Structure formats: C-alpha cells, structure tokens
Amino acid sequence: MFKDQRFVDYNAPKFRKDLLSGITVGIVAIPLGMAFAIASGVKPEYGLYTTIIAGFLVALLGGSRFQIAGPTGAFIPILLAIVLQYGYEDLLIAGFLAGIFLVIMSYLGVSNLIHFVPRSVTIGFTSGIAIIIFTGQFGNFFGLSGLESKEFFHENMIDVAKHLHTINLYSVLIAVIGLSMIFILPKIAPRLPVLLVALLIPTIISVLLFPGKVETIGTAFGGIPQTLPSFQLPKITLSKLVTLWQPALIIAALGAIESLLSAVVADGMKEGKKHDSKRELFGQGIANIVSPLFGGIPATGAIARTATNIRSGAVSPVSGIVQSVFVLLFLLLFAPYASYIPLAAMAPILMFVAWNMSARKAFVHILSIRSSDSIVLVTTFLLTIFINLTVAVQIGILLSALSFLRKMSGKLDISVGKLSDVEVHKFGEDVTKFIMDGPLFFGTAKAFEDKMPGILSKGTSKVILDLEHLSMIDATGEAALFTLLDDADKKNVKIIVKKLPKQKLAMFKKSGLHDRIGEENFFM
C-alpha cells in the first residue's frame, strides 16, 4: 500500500498500536502546544495549529518512524524576542524562511555538521533557555497584574519585582494544585496523562469554587476558535528578508539540532530503527514552510513527546499522523472549553518542562572540569539569558573554535630523528632528519615558522623532512613550507621529503610544492 520503507508490512494490528500511541501523545501535546504558544508571546491556538500541521507533515515526510513534531520549549526565547521586536506577522515570515533554510540544509548534507556543535554550547544555551522559561512563568504562577513582556531577562525580573504587591492568592492556589499533581500523579497513577489532568483539575476547581477570580485563556486571549485559519501567504519584502534572515537561520539551526537529537534518542529506544537525517531535515523544512501559511509558529522534533510515542507502543509514522488528527478533533469539538483554563494552571506545566530540559547534571559536570569548555558553557549560558540566543550561539561556537585552535596549535611536534644506516648511505653524514608529527595548518603554522631557524641552523647541507605522520596540511601550511624552501635556498640547504602520504602528495602537486622541491627529492 505504501512505497515508503517506514510503512513496509503495515497491517491492522500495527495500526491499532499506532492509534493508541497517537491518541496518548495527542493528549500530552494539547496542553504543551497551548503553553508553548502563550510563552512565545502568541495566542494559544497558534500552538495547536502548529501541532496539527507540523506534526502531520513531519510524520509523513520526515526521516524517523517515531518523530513527533510541534512547538517546543527551546524556541520560546527567540520566538518571544521576534514577536516583541517585530510582531506576529514577521514571526510567520521568520518561520517560513527557517523552513526554506532547513530544506536547503537537507540537500547540502548539513545534518552531519550539526554534530560539530560543541556540547558545552548546546548545554549552555539549553540551560539558559530553561531559566528563561521557568522565570517567565512567575507572572502567571503568582497572578501578577500589569506585567508587560520585555525583550531582556533582567527587565522582566525587575518588572516582576515591581508588581509583587499585585499577587493573586487564588492564582497561587491553582498553580500549587497543578504543580502538586505533576509530581504526585506519576507515583500513584502512572498511566494517567499527567499534564492534561494537571490542567483539567485546577480548571474545574477554579470554575466551581471561585469563578472570575483568576485570569484565563478566555479573558487574556478571547478564547480559541473552533477552526483552522484560512490559507494566507506571508507578505515577504526585501527589507523583511534583510531583517529576519538571521533569526530565521537561528530557528533553522536550533530546529535541526533539536529534531536530529530527538531522532537519535528515538533510535536508541528502538534498536534497528535508524533515522534518515537528510530526510528528517527535509520533512522539518516542509513543515515549517507550510505551518506559517495557516498561522502556525516554528516547530521541531519534540524529544519528550517522541519518547512518549515510543513508550506507548508506536510502530510507524502513522502514530504521528493520528496525533495530529486527534488534536484537530479537539480543536473542532472542544476549543470553546479551553477558554476556562487559568493561566496559573499553565505555569506549572511550563516550569516542569523547563526543569526537565535544564540539563542540570551535564551543566555541573562540564563546570566541574574547569577547562575551556567550562568558559564556553558559562559564556553561552549567560549570553542566552541576558542578551539573546542568537548572540549566545555565535559567541559560544566562536569561543569553542578558538579553544580548539589553541589546543591544536600545540599538536605539531617537530623532533630531530636518528639517521638510519640506509639514510647515511644514501645521503651521506652531512644531513639532519626532522620528524613532523601532527597537523600543519593555520593554527600551527606560526609554531612551525618559529622552529624553521632551528631546522636550517644545524650546519648541514641536507635536511630530511620525515612527513609520514603529517596528519593534515592546508594552504597556510603549504605557504609555511614555501617559506622554508626559500630560506633553505639562501643557505644552500637541500630539502628532502620522506614518506609523504599519497593523499598529501596530490596536494603538493596541486600547490606547486612538488615541483618546487623537485621530483628527485621525494622518497616515499
């Protein structure tokens, strides 16, 4: 029936498993979709639209059997910043552009490059995002009135402190009930959908015992429509492209990291079911292109929902499709009732998500090492919180690259080698051998140039360069060798190259080093 390999040998018993797991994940996705949208500065229904559209398309077109896509906590700070600075319409454009970037990434094979993002950077910005999400719920948790979302963390914290006198004890009670249920229910009733129950019970209590005392989705956002919005192309202009390409690229990069990490986690939970990373990025790209056309915000693979999908017995992408259909049915049938949900009941859910994504153990471990990774971690963490995610990732990767270059600069070892009887017989005793071990590139070229006077000052007429262990060489390294040859000519010293690996010999020929040294001076 299906050409897709992920649907091979699909049958009715497998569909029943996917149906059950899809409904289970859908129950989890509903409160999270609304909560992530609200935290991102947009209406809760936009989170549901994203869950429906992106979840369906990633399941259909992605490269994993079990991936569940939708709005995630990782996107909250950057989406909120875009909304505050540019507005909701430009957020849709940024999401659309991010989708295009993801499709391009899939064709360029960028999925392999994602693995080169240092762990200290990912843990740093993930922990920073967790802090932003957690503290961002103080207003709803305590029912503070008069708060306005601001671009910077410290401004929001100052605003919370100024409005502490407006605390609403009813909101605090609702939030505490919800938070208690999140921690207690898994111990006494592990099969219940914890997040949904932790949303429903406080809602029922607020409606029955103190109606009108706490702010709800209805009072804050005017309720949730029972339909999907109509198709609408974003109004993209050159000025908007210039303004939004950078945040869109960050959304795409973050989405790629999150989705591929989620797919890897899924692979680990299901042995023998490996994902296709290129196809996964393609599916994520299409989902992010289409979702904004119907009002949806950026989406990516959601690790917790994907894990829930697998634990619930999913066997194919049909479970992801079922999840989307289930959320759509909820929207069409029960959307008006969502208006009664207190914002204070949403706060514990987001706080719980933030706590789980904070990577506390990994953060403490990297910090305890007290190395350059620790500096990268703390810098990325603080920049994420106090500036923004875009700057944090850029600076974090730059610091990691500089740290790598500093470490690599000491990896080139040049030592005097002992001449063999064959070498003495072939070249005579008026020769010195140097063994080069490590990379000769822009990070080590300076160290090589510093050692060149010593190479040529042994008072010999011939110098053997044993390059058997030369691990790599780039254009800067080649230029350093040209300089050595020029200095050798001035001192009438012949340079002899020994044991140069074949792949490096090809580079020497392309660069002109081979001709410069002379065919007769190469001994393989």
Protein backbone atom coordinates (compact mmCIF):
# COMPACT_ATOMS: atom_id res chain seq x y z
CA MET A 1 0.00 0.00 0.00
CA PHE A 2 2.85 2.39 0.88
CA LYS A 3 6.06 2.86 -1.04
CA ASP A 4 7.72 4.41 1.98
CA GLN A 5 10.03 1.88 3.69
CA ARG A 6 8.73 3.05 7.05
CA PHE A 7 5.36 1.51 6.19
CA VAL A 8 6.58 -1.85 4.89
CA ASP A 9 4.46 -4.79 6.12
CA TYR A 10 1.99 -2.43 7.74
CA ASN A 11 -1.18 -4.15 8.95
CA ALA A 12 -4.25 -3.78 11.15
CA PRO A 13 -2.60 -4.85 14.46
CA LYS A 14 0.16 -2.30 13.90
CA PHE A 15 -2.45 0.37 13.16
CA ARG A 16 -4.18 -0.36 16.47
CA LYS A 17 -0.87 0.23 18.28
CA ASP A 18 -0.29 3.46 16.37
CA LEU A 19 -3.85 4.59 17.07
CA LEU A 20 -3.41 4.16 20.82
CA SER A 21 0.04 5.80 20.92
CA GLY A 22 -1.11 8.66 18.67
CA ILE A 23 -4.04 9.46 20.97
CA THR A 24 -1.77 9.26 24.02
CA VAL A 25 0.72 11.70 22.52
CA GLY A 26 -2.12 13.95 21.36
CA ILE A 27 -3.37 14.21 24.94
CA VAL A 28 0.12 15.32 26.01
CA ALA A 29 0.54 17.67 23.02
CA ILE A 30 -2.62 19.71 23.60
CA PRO A 31 -1.60 21.45 26.86
CA LEU A 32 2.01 21.76 25.70
CA GLY A 33 1.03 23.30 22.36
CA MET A 34 -1.05 25.98 24.04
CA ALA A 35 1.51 26.60 26.79
CA PHE A 36 4.44 26.99 24.39
CA ALA A 37 2.46 29.39 22.22
CA ILE A 38 1.48 31.58 25.18
CA ALA A 39 5.09 31.60 26.44
CA SER A 40 6.23 32.61 22.94
CA GLY A 41 4.01 35.68 23.07
CA VAL A 42 1.25 34.49 20.72
CA LYS A 43 -2.30 33.16 21.12
CA PRO A 44 -2.69 29.55 22.37
CA GLU A 45 -4.48 28.37 19.22
CA TYR A 46 -1.34 29.02 17.17
CA GLY A 47 0.39 26.29 19.17
CA LEU A 48 -2.45 23.89 18.31
CA TYR A 49 -2.26 24.82 14.61
CA THR A 50 1.46 24.06 14.69
CA THR A 51 0.90 20.73 16.44
CA ILE A 52 -1.66 19.70 13.82
CA ILE A 53 0.13 20.81 10.64
CA ALA A 54 3.78 20.31 11.53
CA GLY A 55 3.09 17.06 13.35
CA PHE A 56 1.28 15.65 10.31
CA LEU A 57 3.89 16.73 7.74
CA VAL A 58 6.94 15.60 9.73
CA ALA A 59 5.35 12.21 10.33
CA LEU A 60 4.56 11.89 6.61
CA LEU A 61 7.76 13.34 5.10
CA GLY A 62 10.41 13.06 7.83
CA GLY A 63 13.17 10.51 8.23
CA SER A 64 12.19 8.93 11.55
CA ARG A 65 9.49 6.34 12.23
CA PHE A 66 8.60 7.81 15.60
CA GLN A 67 9.33 11.56 15.50
CA ILE A 68 6.63 13.80 16.96
CA ALA A 69 7.00 17.42 15.89
CA GLY A 70 5.43 20.58 17.19
CA PRO A 71 6.20 23.74 19.15
CA THR A 72 8.93 23.19 21.75
CA GLY A 73 10.39 25.00 24.73
CA ALA A 74 13.73 25.54 23.03
CA PHE A 75 12.15 28.02 20.62
CA ILE A 76 10.43 30.15 23.27
CA PRO A 77 13.11 32.84 23.88
CA ILE A 78 13.86 33.51 20.22
CA LEU A 79 10.18 33.45 19.17
CA LEU A 80 9.23 35.78 22.00
CA ALA A 81 12.05 38.15 21.04
CA ILE A 82 10.83 38.23 17.42
CA VAL A 83 7.24 38.85 18.49
CA LEU A 84 8.24 41.68 20.85
CA GLN A 85 10.54 43.32 18.32
CA TYR A 86 8.74 42.71 15.02
CA GLY A 87 5.28 41.29 15.73
CA TYR A 88 3.39 38.08 15.00
CA GLU A 89 3.25 38.58 11.22
CA ASP A 90 7.03 38.77 10.99
CA LEU A 91 7.29 35.68 13.19
CA LEU A 92 5.39 33.80 10.48
CA ILE A 93 7.86 35.09 7.87
CA ALA A 94 10.84 34.05 10.03
CA GLY A 95 9.33 30.59 10.42
CA PHE A 96 8.71 30.35 6.68
CA LEU A 97 12.33 31.34 5.94
CA ALA A 98 13.57 28.87 8.55
CA GLY A 99 11.70 26.13 6.69
CA ILE A 100 13.44 27.09 3.44
CA PHE A 101 16.81 27.04 5.24
CA LEU A 102 16.07 23.55 6.59
CA VAL A 103 15.23 22.22 3.13
CA ILE A 104 18.48 23.71 1.80
CA MET A 105 20.35 22.14 4.73
CA SER A 106 18.91 18.74 3.88
CA TYR A 107 20.22 18.94 0.30
CA LEU A 108 23.62 20.28 1.38
CA GLY A 109 24.12 17.48 3.87
CA VAL A 110 24.32 19.90 6.79
CA SER A 111 22.90 17.21 9.06
CA ASN A 112 26.44 15.90 9.52
CA LEU A 113 27.75 19.35 10.51
CA ILE A 114 25.22 19.62 13.34
CA HIS A 115 27.28 17.05 15.25
CA PHE A 116 30.19 19.52 15.31
CA VAL A 117 28.31 21.97 17.55
CA PRO A 118 30.18 21.59 20.88
CA ARG A 119 28.30 20.05 23.78
CA SER A 120 29.33 22.97 26.01
CA VAL A 121 27.42 25.29 23.64
CA THR A 122 24.26 23.16 23.44
CA ILE A 123 24.16 22.58 27.21
CA GLY A 124 24.86 26.27 27.79
CA PHE A 125 22.00 27.62 25.69
CA THR A 126 19.62 24.81 26.71
CA SER A 127 20.15 25.61 30.39
CA GLY A 128 19.78 29.31 29.64
CA ILE A 129 16.51 28.69 27.81
CA ALA A 130 15.27 26.66 30.79
CA ILE A 131 15.95 29.60 33.13
CA ILE A 132 14.09 31.99 30.80
CA ILE A 133 11.07 29.67 30.55
CA PHE A 134 10.95 28.98 34.28
CA THR A 135 11.23 32.59 35.41
CA GLY A 136 8.94 33.70 32.60
CA GLN A 137 6.06 31.94 34.38
CA PHE A 138 6.38 33.87 37.64
CA GLY A 139 3.73 36.33 36.49
CA ASN A 140 1.11 33.64 35.75
CA PHE A 141 2.07 31.49 38.76
CA PHE A 142 1.54 34.37 41.20
CA GLY A 143 -1.26 36.01 39.22
CA LEU A 144 0.58 39.32 38.96
CA SER A 145 -1.26 42.06 37.10
CA GLY A 146 0.15 44.88 35.00
CA LEU A 147 3.15 42.91 33.70
CA GLU A 148 4.41 43.57 30.18
CA SER A 149 6.70 41.15 28.34
CA LYS A 150 10.04 42.75 27.63
CA GLU A 151 12.93 41.73 25.41
CA PHE A 152 15.59 41.24 28.09
CA PHE A 153 15.61 38.89 31.08
CA HIS A 154 16.70 41.46 33.66
CA GLU A 155 13.95 43.86 32.54
CA ASN A 156 11.33 41.15 33.07
CA MET A 157 12.70 40.28 36.51
CA ILE A 158 12.67 43.93 37.56
CA ASP A 159 9.08 44.22 36.32
CA VAL A 160 8.08 41.11 38.33
CA ALA A 161 9.67 42.59 41.46
CA LYS A 162 7.80 45.88 40.96
CA HIS A 163 4.45 44.09 40.68
CA LEU A 164 4.80 41.60 43.54
CA HIS A 165 2.26 43.60 45.52
CA THR A 166 -0.42 42.57 42.97
CA ILE A 167 -0.13 38.86 43.86
CA ASN A 168 -3.37 36.87 43.43
CA LEU A 169 -3.71 34.16 46.09
CA TYR A 170 -6.31 32.32 44.00
CA SER A 171 -3.78 32.04 41.18
CA VAL A 172 -1.13 30.78 43.59
CA LEU A 173 -3.55 28.14 44.90
CA ILE A 174 -4.38 26.97 41.36
CA ALA A 175 -0.69 26.85 40.40
CA VAL A 176 0.27 24.93 43.55
CA ILE A 177 -2.51 22.38 42.93
CA GLY A 178 -1.33 21.88 39.35
CA LEU A 179 2.33 21.61 40.39
CA SER A 180 1.48 19.11 43.13
CA MET A 181 -0.42 16.93 40.68
CA ILE A 182 2.51 16.91 38.24
CA PHE A 183 4.75 15.40 40.92
CA ILE A 184 2.22 13.22 42.77
CA LEU A 185 0.19 11.65 39.94
CA PRO A 186 3.07 9.71 38.32
CA LYS A 187 3.62 7.94 41.68
CA ILE A 188 0.00 6.97 42.39
CA ALA A 189 -1.46 6.75 38.86
CA PRO A 190 1.38 6.46 36.32
CA ARG A 191 -0.95 5.57 33.45
CA LEU A 192 -2.86 8.85 33.60
CA PRO A 193 -1.89 11.68 31.17
CA VAL A 194 -0.27 13.76 33.89
CA LEU A 195 -0.04 17.12 32.14
CA LEU A 196 -3.63 17.03 30.89
CA VAL A 197 -5.01 16.03 34.31
CA ALA A 198 -2.83 18.71 35.95
CA LEU A 199 -4.54 21.19 33.63
CA LEU A 200 -8.12 19.90 33.93
CA ILE A 201 -8.39 19.54 37.71
CA PRO A 202 -7.22 23.11 38.53
CA THR A 203 -9.53 24.39 35.78
CA ILE A 204 -12.54 22.59 37.24
CA ILE A 205 -11.67 23.81 40.75
CA SER A 206 -11.39 27.44 39.58
CA VAL A 207 -14.67 27.28 37.65
CA LEU A 208 -16.64 25.69 40.51
CA LEU A 209 -15.14 27.33 43.59
CA PHE A 210 -14.02 30.82 42.56
CA PRO A 211 -15.14 31.76 39.05
CA GLY A 212 -13.82 35.05 37.74
CA LYS A 213 -11.06 35.27 40.34
CA VAL A 214 -8.15 34.26 38.09
CA GLU A 215 -7.10 35.20 34.56
CA THR A 216 -7.95 32.55 31.98
CA ILE A 217 -7.23 31.88 28.32
CA GLY A 218 -10.63 33.40 27.58
CA THR A 219 -10.05 36.64 29.48
CA ALA A 220 -6.48 37.01 28.21
CA PHE A 221 -6.85 35.93 24.58
CA GLY A 222 -10.59 35.94 23.86
CA GLY A 223 -10.98 32.18 23.57
CA ILE A 224 -9.90 29.70 20.92
CA PRO A 225 -11.63 29.45 17.52
CA GLN A 226 -13.04 26.06 16.51
CA THR A 227 -11.50 26.12 13.03
CA LEU A 228 -8.11 26.25 11.35
CA PRO A 229 -7.29 29.68 9.91
CA SER A 230 -7.56 30.16 6.18
CA PHE A 231 -4.53 29.79 3.91
CA GLN A 232 -2.56 33.03 3.62
CA LEU A 233 0.83 33.73 2.05
CA PRO A 234 3.16 35.87 4.19
CA LYS A 235 3.91 39.33 2.78
CA ILE A 236 7.64 38.99 2.23
CA THR A 237 9.58 42.10 1.21
CA LEU A 238 13.28 42.72 0.66
CA SER A 239 13.51 44.76 3.85
CA LYS A 240 11.92 41.94 5.86
CA LEU A 241 14.34 39.43 4.34
CA VAL A 242 17.27 41.61 5.38
CA THR A 243 15.82 41.99 8.89
CA LEU A 244 14.68 38.42 9.52
CA TRP A 245 17.19 36.15 7.79
CA GLN A 246 19.45 35.93 10.83
CA PRO A 247 16.79 34.98 13.41
CA ALA A 248 15.33 32.61 10.79
CA LEU A 249 18.72 30.94 10.41
CA ILE A 250 18.99 30.53 14.19
CA ILE A 251 15.50 28.99 14.24
CA ALA A 252 16.56 26.61 11.45
CA ALA A 253 19.84 25.66 13.16
CA LEU A 254 18.14 25.16 16.53
CA GLY A 255 15.34 23.20 14.86
CA ALA A 256 17.87 20.98 13.08
CA ILE A 257 19.76 20.28 16.31
CA GLU A 258 16.57 19.53 18.28
CA SER A 259 14.98 17.34 15.59
CA LEU A 260 18.12 15.29 14.92
CA LEU A 261 18.78 14.89 18.65
CA SER A 262 15.21 13.70 19.11
CA ALA A 263 15.59 11.26 16.21
CA VAL A 264 18.82 9.90 17.74
CA VAL A 265 17.03 9.42 21.08
CA ALA A 266 14.28 7.54 19.22
CA ASP A 267 16.89 5.34 17.53
CA GLY A 268 18.31 4.47 20.93
CA MET A 269 14.89 3.50 22.28
CA LYS A 270 14.11 1.30 19.26
CA GLU A 271 17.04 -0.86 18.21
CA GLY A 272 17.45 -1.38 14.48
CA LYS A 273 15.21 1.56 13.57
CA LYS A 274 17.68 4.19 12.38
CA HIS A 275 16.51 7.54 11.04
CA ASP A 276 17.46 9.25 7.76
CA SER A 277 18.92 12.60 8.84
CA LYS A 278 18.70 14.26 5.41
CA ARG A 279 15.08 13.26 5.02
CA GLU A 280 14.34 14.34 8.57
CA LEU A 281 15.60 17.87 7.89
CA PHE A 282 13.61 17.93 4.65
CA GLY A 283 10.42 16.98 6.48
CA GLN A 284 11.09 19.56 9.18
CA GLY A 285 11.70 22.16 6.46
CA ILE A 286 8.45 21.47 4.62
CA ALA A 287 6.55 21.52 7.91
CA ASN A 288 7.96 24.93 8.79
CA ILE A 289 7.20 26.27 5.32
CA VAL A 290 3.57 25.14 5.41
CA SER A 291 2.77 25.78 9.08
CA PRO A 292 3.07 29.63 8.88
CA LEU A 293 0.69 29.61 5.90
CA PHE A 294 -2.01 28.57 8.38
CA GLY A 295 -0.89 30.69 11.32
CA GLY A 296 1.45 28.16 12.91
CA ILE A 297 4.70 29.03 14.67
CA PRO A 298 8.10 27.29 14.12
CA ALA A 299 8.24 23.61 15.05
CA THR A 300 10.81 20.89 15.53
CA GLY A 301 11.10 17.34 16.82
CA ALA A 302 9.98 17.14 20.44
CA ILE A 303 12.11 14.72 22.49
CA ALA A 304 9.61 14.17 25.33
CA ARG A 305 6.63 13.62 23.02
CA THR A 306 8.68 11.36 20.74
CA ALA A 307 9.75 9.28 23.75
CA THR A 308 6.11 9.11 24.92
CA ASN A 309 5.14 7.96 21.44
CA ILE A 310 7.62 5.06 21.56
CA ARG A 311 6.73 4.07 25.13
CA SER A 312 3.06 4.00 24.12
CA GLY A 313 3.79 1.31 21.52
CA ALA A 314 4.16 3.24 18.23
CA VAL A 315 5.45 1.18 15.31
CA SER A 316 5.33 3.67 12.40
CA PRO A 317 4.79 7.35 11.47
CA VAL A 318 1.04 6.68 11.48
CA SER A 319 1.08 7.41 15.22
CA GLY A 320 2.29 10.95 14.47
CA ILE A 321 -0.48 11.38 11.90
CA VAL A 322 -3.05 10.10 14.42
CA GLN A 323 -1.72 12.60 16.97
CA SER A 324 -2.34 15.48 14.55
CA VAL A 325 -5.84 14.28 13.70
CA PHE A 326 -6.64 13.89 17.41
CA VAL A 327 -5.55 17.47 18.18
CA LEU A 328 -7.57 18.68 15.17
CA LEU A 329 -10.68 16.94 16.53
CA PHE A 330 -10.05 18.55 19.91
CA LEU A 331 -9.85 21.94 18.24
CA LEU A 332 -13.08 21.40 16.29
CA LEU A 333 -15.08 19.91 19.17
CA PHE A 334 -13.77 21.29 22.45
CA ALA A 335 -11.98 24.58 21.71
CA PRO A 336 -14.60 26.77 23.49
CA TYR A 337 -13.99 24.92 26.78
CA ALA A 338 -10.29 25.81 26.65
CA SER A 339 -11.31 29.40 27.43
CA TYR A 340 -11.86 28.38 31.06
CA ILE A 341 -8.26 27.22 31.57
CA PRO A 342 -6.50 29.52 34.08
CA LEU A 343 -3.11 30.85 33.05
CA ALA A 344 -1.97 29.87 36.54
CA ALA A 345 -2.64 26.23 35.61
CA MET A 346 -0.41 26.57 32.53
CA ALA A 347 2.51 27.96 34.54
CA PRO A 348 3.43 24.72 36.42
CA ILE A 349 3.43 22.78 33.13
CA LEU A 350 5.97 25.14 31.58
CA MET A 351 8.03 25.20 34.77
CA PHE A 352 8.08 21.41 34.74
CA VAL A 353 9.19 21.42 31.09
CA ALA A 354 11.93 23.94 31.91
CA TRP A 355 13.15 21.83 34.83
CA ASN A 356 13.36 18.72 32.65
CA MET A 357 15.21 20.47 29.81
CA SER A 358 17.69 22.26 32.06
CA ALA A 359 20.43 19.59 31.68
CA ARG A 360 21.46 20.20 35.30
CA LYS A 361 23.79 17.20 35.66
CA ALA A 362 25.59 17.86 32.38
CA PHE A 363 25.95 21.57 33.29
CA VAL A 364 27.51 20.79 36.68
CA HIS A 365 29.78 18.13 35.16
CA ILE A 366 31.21 20.43 32.47
CA LEU A 367 31.56 23.23 35.01
CA SER A 368 33.47 20.96 37.40
CA ILE A 369 36.09 20.16 34.73
CA ARG A 370 37.32 23.78 34.89
CA SER A 371 38.60 23.82 31.34
CA SER A 372 37.99 25.99 28.29
CA ASP A 373 34.72 24.06 27.88
CA SER A 374 33.61 25.46 31.23
CA ILE A 375 34.26 29.00 29.99
CA VAL A 376 32.30 28.32 26.79
CA LEU A 377 29.45 26.81 28.83
CA VAL A 378 29.12 29.74 31.24
CA THR A 379 29.51 32.35 28.49
CA THR A 380 26.83 30.74 26.32
CA PHE A 381 24.57 30.31 29.34
CA LEU A 382 24.83 33.94 30.48
CA LEU A 383 24.52 35.38 26.96
CA THR A 384 21.40 33.29 26.35
CA ILE A 385 19.80 34.69 29.49
CA PHE A 386 20.93 38.32 29.42
CA ILE A 387 21.31 39.04 25.67
CA ASN A 388 19.68 36.54 23.31
CA LEU A 389 20.05 33.07 21.85
CA THR A 390 21.42 34.32 18.51
CA VAL A 391 24.39 36.08 20.10
CA ALA A 392 24.92 33.24 22.59
CA VAL A 393 25.24 30.55 19.91
CA GLN A 394 27.53 32.66 17.73
CA ILE A 395 29.86 33.62 20.58
CA GLY A 396 29.78 30.11 22.03
CA ILE A 397 30.80 28.48 18.75
CA LEU A 398 33.46 31.16 18.17
CA LEU A 399 34.98 30.60 21.63
CA SER A 400 34.90 26.83 21.06
CA ALA A 401 36.67 27.27 17.73
CA LEU A 402 39.35 29.48 19.30
CA SER A 403 39.78 26.97 22.12
CA PHE A 404 40.14 24.17 19.57
CA LEU A 405 42.75 26.13 17.62
CA ARG A 406 44.70 26.84 20.80
CA LYS A 407 44.71 23.15 21.66
CA MET A 408 45.64 22.15 18.11
CA SER A 409 48.47 24.71 17.95
CA GLY A 410 50.38 22.54 20.39
CA LYS A 411 49.73 19.32 18.48
CA LEU A 412 52.51 19.85 15.91
CA ASP A 413 55.68 18.20 17.13
CA ILE A 414 58.99 18.64 15.29
CA SER A 415 61.78 16.49 16.62
CA VAL A 416 65.27 15.53 15.47
CA GLY A 417 65.29 11.96 14.20
CA LYS A 418 68.08 9.43 14.25
CA LEU A 419 69.51 8.65 10.82
CA SER A 420 69.25 5.06 9.68
CA ASP A 421 72.15 3.26 8.03
CA VAL A 422 70.25 3.38 4.73
CA GLU A 423 69.82 7.18 5.02
CA VAL A 424 73.51 7.70 5.84
CA HIS A 425 74.46 5.51 2.88
CA LYS A 426 72.09 7.35 0.54
CA PHE A 427 72.58 10.96 1.64
CA GLY A 428 75.88 10.94 3.47
CA GLU A 429 76.62 12.06 7.02
CA ASP A 430 76.15 15.78 6.27
CA VAL A 431 72.38 15.54 6.76
CA THR A 432 69.88 16.20 9.56
CA LYS A 433 66.48 14.50 9.86
CA PHE A 434 63.41 16.13 11.34
CA ILE A 435 60.24 14.19 12.08
CA MET A 436 56.98 16.16 11.84
CA ASP A 437 54.05 14.73 13.78
CA GLY A 438 50.63 16.42 13.70
CA PRO A 439 48.78 18.96 11.58
CA LEU A 440 50.40 21.81 9.66
CA PHE A 441 47.57 24.33 9.20
CA PHE A 442 46.79 27.94 10.02
CA GLY A 443 46.62 27.10 13.72
CA THR A 444 50.13 25.57 13.83
CA ALA A 445 51.89 27.48 11.01
CA LYS A 446 53.25 30.09 13.45
CA ALA A 447 54.78 27.38 15.63
CA PHE A 448 56.35 25.82 12.53
CA GLU A 449 57.79 29.16 11.39
CA ASP A 450 59.29 29.69 14.86
CA LYS A 451 61.12 26.37 14.56
CA MET A 452 62.37 26.93 10.99
CA PRO A 453 65.62 28.70 12.03
CA GLY A 454 66.48 25.66 14.13
CA ILE A 455 65.76 23.34 11.22
CA LEU A 456 68.21 25.19 8.99
CA SER A 457 70.90 26.05 11.56
CA LYS A 458 72.39 22.62 12.11
CA GLY A 459 75.29 23.36 9.74
CA THR A 460 74.34 20.57 7.36
CA SER A 461 73.88 20.74 3.60
CA LYS A 462 70.79 18.49 3.55
CA VAL A 463 67.64 18.34 5.68
CA ILE A 464 65.29 15.35 5.61
CA LEU A 465 61.66 16.10 6.48
CA ASP A 466 60.01 12.84 7.54
CA LEU A 467 56.30 13.58 6.91
CA GLU A 468 54.87 10.10 7.50
CA HIS A 469 52.86 11.36 10.46
CA LEU A 470 51.76 14.71 8.95
CA SER A 471 48.04 14.43 9.73
CA MET A 472 46.86 17.37 7.65
CA ILE A 473 48.04 20.42 5.74
CA ASP A 474 46.14 23.44 4.44
CA ALA A 475 47.02 26.49 2.31
CA THR A 476 48.67 28.26 5.26
CA GLY A 477 50.77 25.18 5.97
CA GLU A 478 51.80 24.99 2.33
CA ALA A 479 52.84 28.66 2.43
CA ALA A 480 54.98 27.92 5.51
CA LEU A 481 56.74 25.15 3.60
CA PHE A 482 57.37 27.51 0.67
CA THR A 483 58.98 29.95 3.12
CA LEU A 484 61.17 27.14 4.49
CA LEU A 485 62.28 26.30 0.93
CA ASP A 486 63.13 29.95 0.21
CA ASP A 487 65.22 30.19 3.40
CA ALA A 488 66.88 26.86 2.57
CA ASP A 489 67.89 28.17 -0.86
CA LYS A 490 69.51 31.20 0.71
CA LYS A 491 71.59 28.93 2.96
CA ASN A 492 72.32 26.36 0.22
CA VAL A 493 70.47 23.65 2.11
CA LYS A 494 68.67 20.92 0.15
CA ILE A 495 65.24 19.86 1.47
CA ILE A 496 64.43 16.17 1.10
CA VAL A 497 60.90 14.91 1.75
CA LYS A 498 60.47 11.36 3.02
CA LYS A 499 57.40 9.12 3.48
CA LEU A 500 54.82 11.74 2.43
CA PRO A 501 51.40 10.00 2.38
CA LYS A 502 49.92 9.63 -1.11
CA GLN A 503 46.92 11.88 -0.47
CA LYS A 504 49.23 14.63 0.76
CA LEU A 505 51.45 14.13 -2.33
CA ALA A 506 48.44 15.00 -4.51
CA MET A 507 48.06 18.29 -2.59
CA PHE A 508 51.78 19.03 -3.00
CA LYS A 509 51.43 18.60 -6.76
CA LYS A 510 48.39 20.88 -6.98
CA SER A 511 50.01 23.62 -4.89
CA GLY A 512 53.34 23.56 -6.74
CA LEU A 513 55.31 22.32 -3.74
CA HIS A 514 56.18 19.11 -5.59
CA ASP A 515 57.83 20.97 -8.47
CA ARG A 516 59.44 23.43 -6.07
CA ILE A 517 61.08 20.65 -4.07
CA GLY A 518 61.86 18.57 -7.14
CA GLU A 519 60.80 15.04 -8.06
CA GLU A 520 64.30 13.71 -7.26
CA ASN A 521 63.99 14.90 -3.64
CA PHE A 522 60.91 12.83 -2.78
CA PHE A 523 61.45 9.41 -1.22
CA MET A 524 58.24 7.59 -0.48
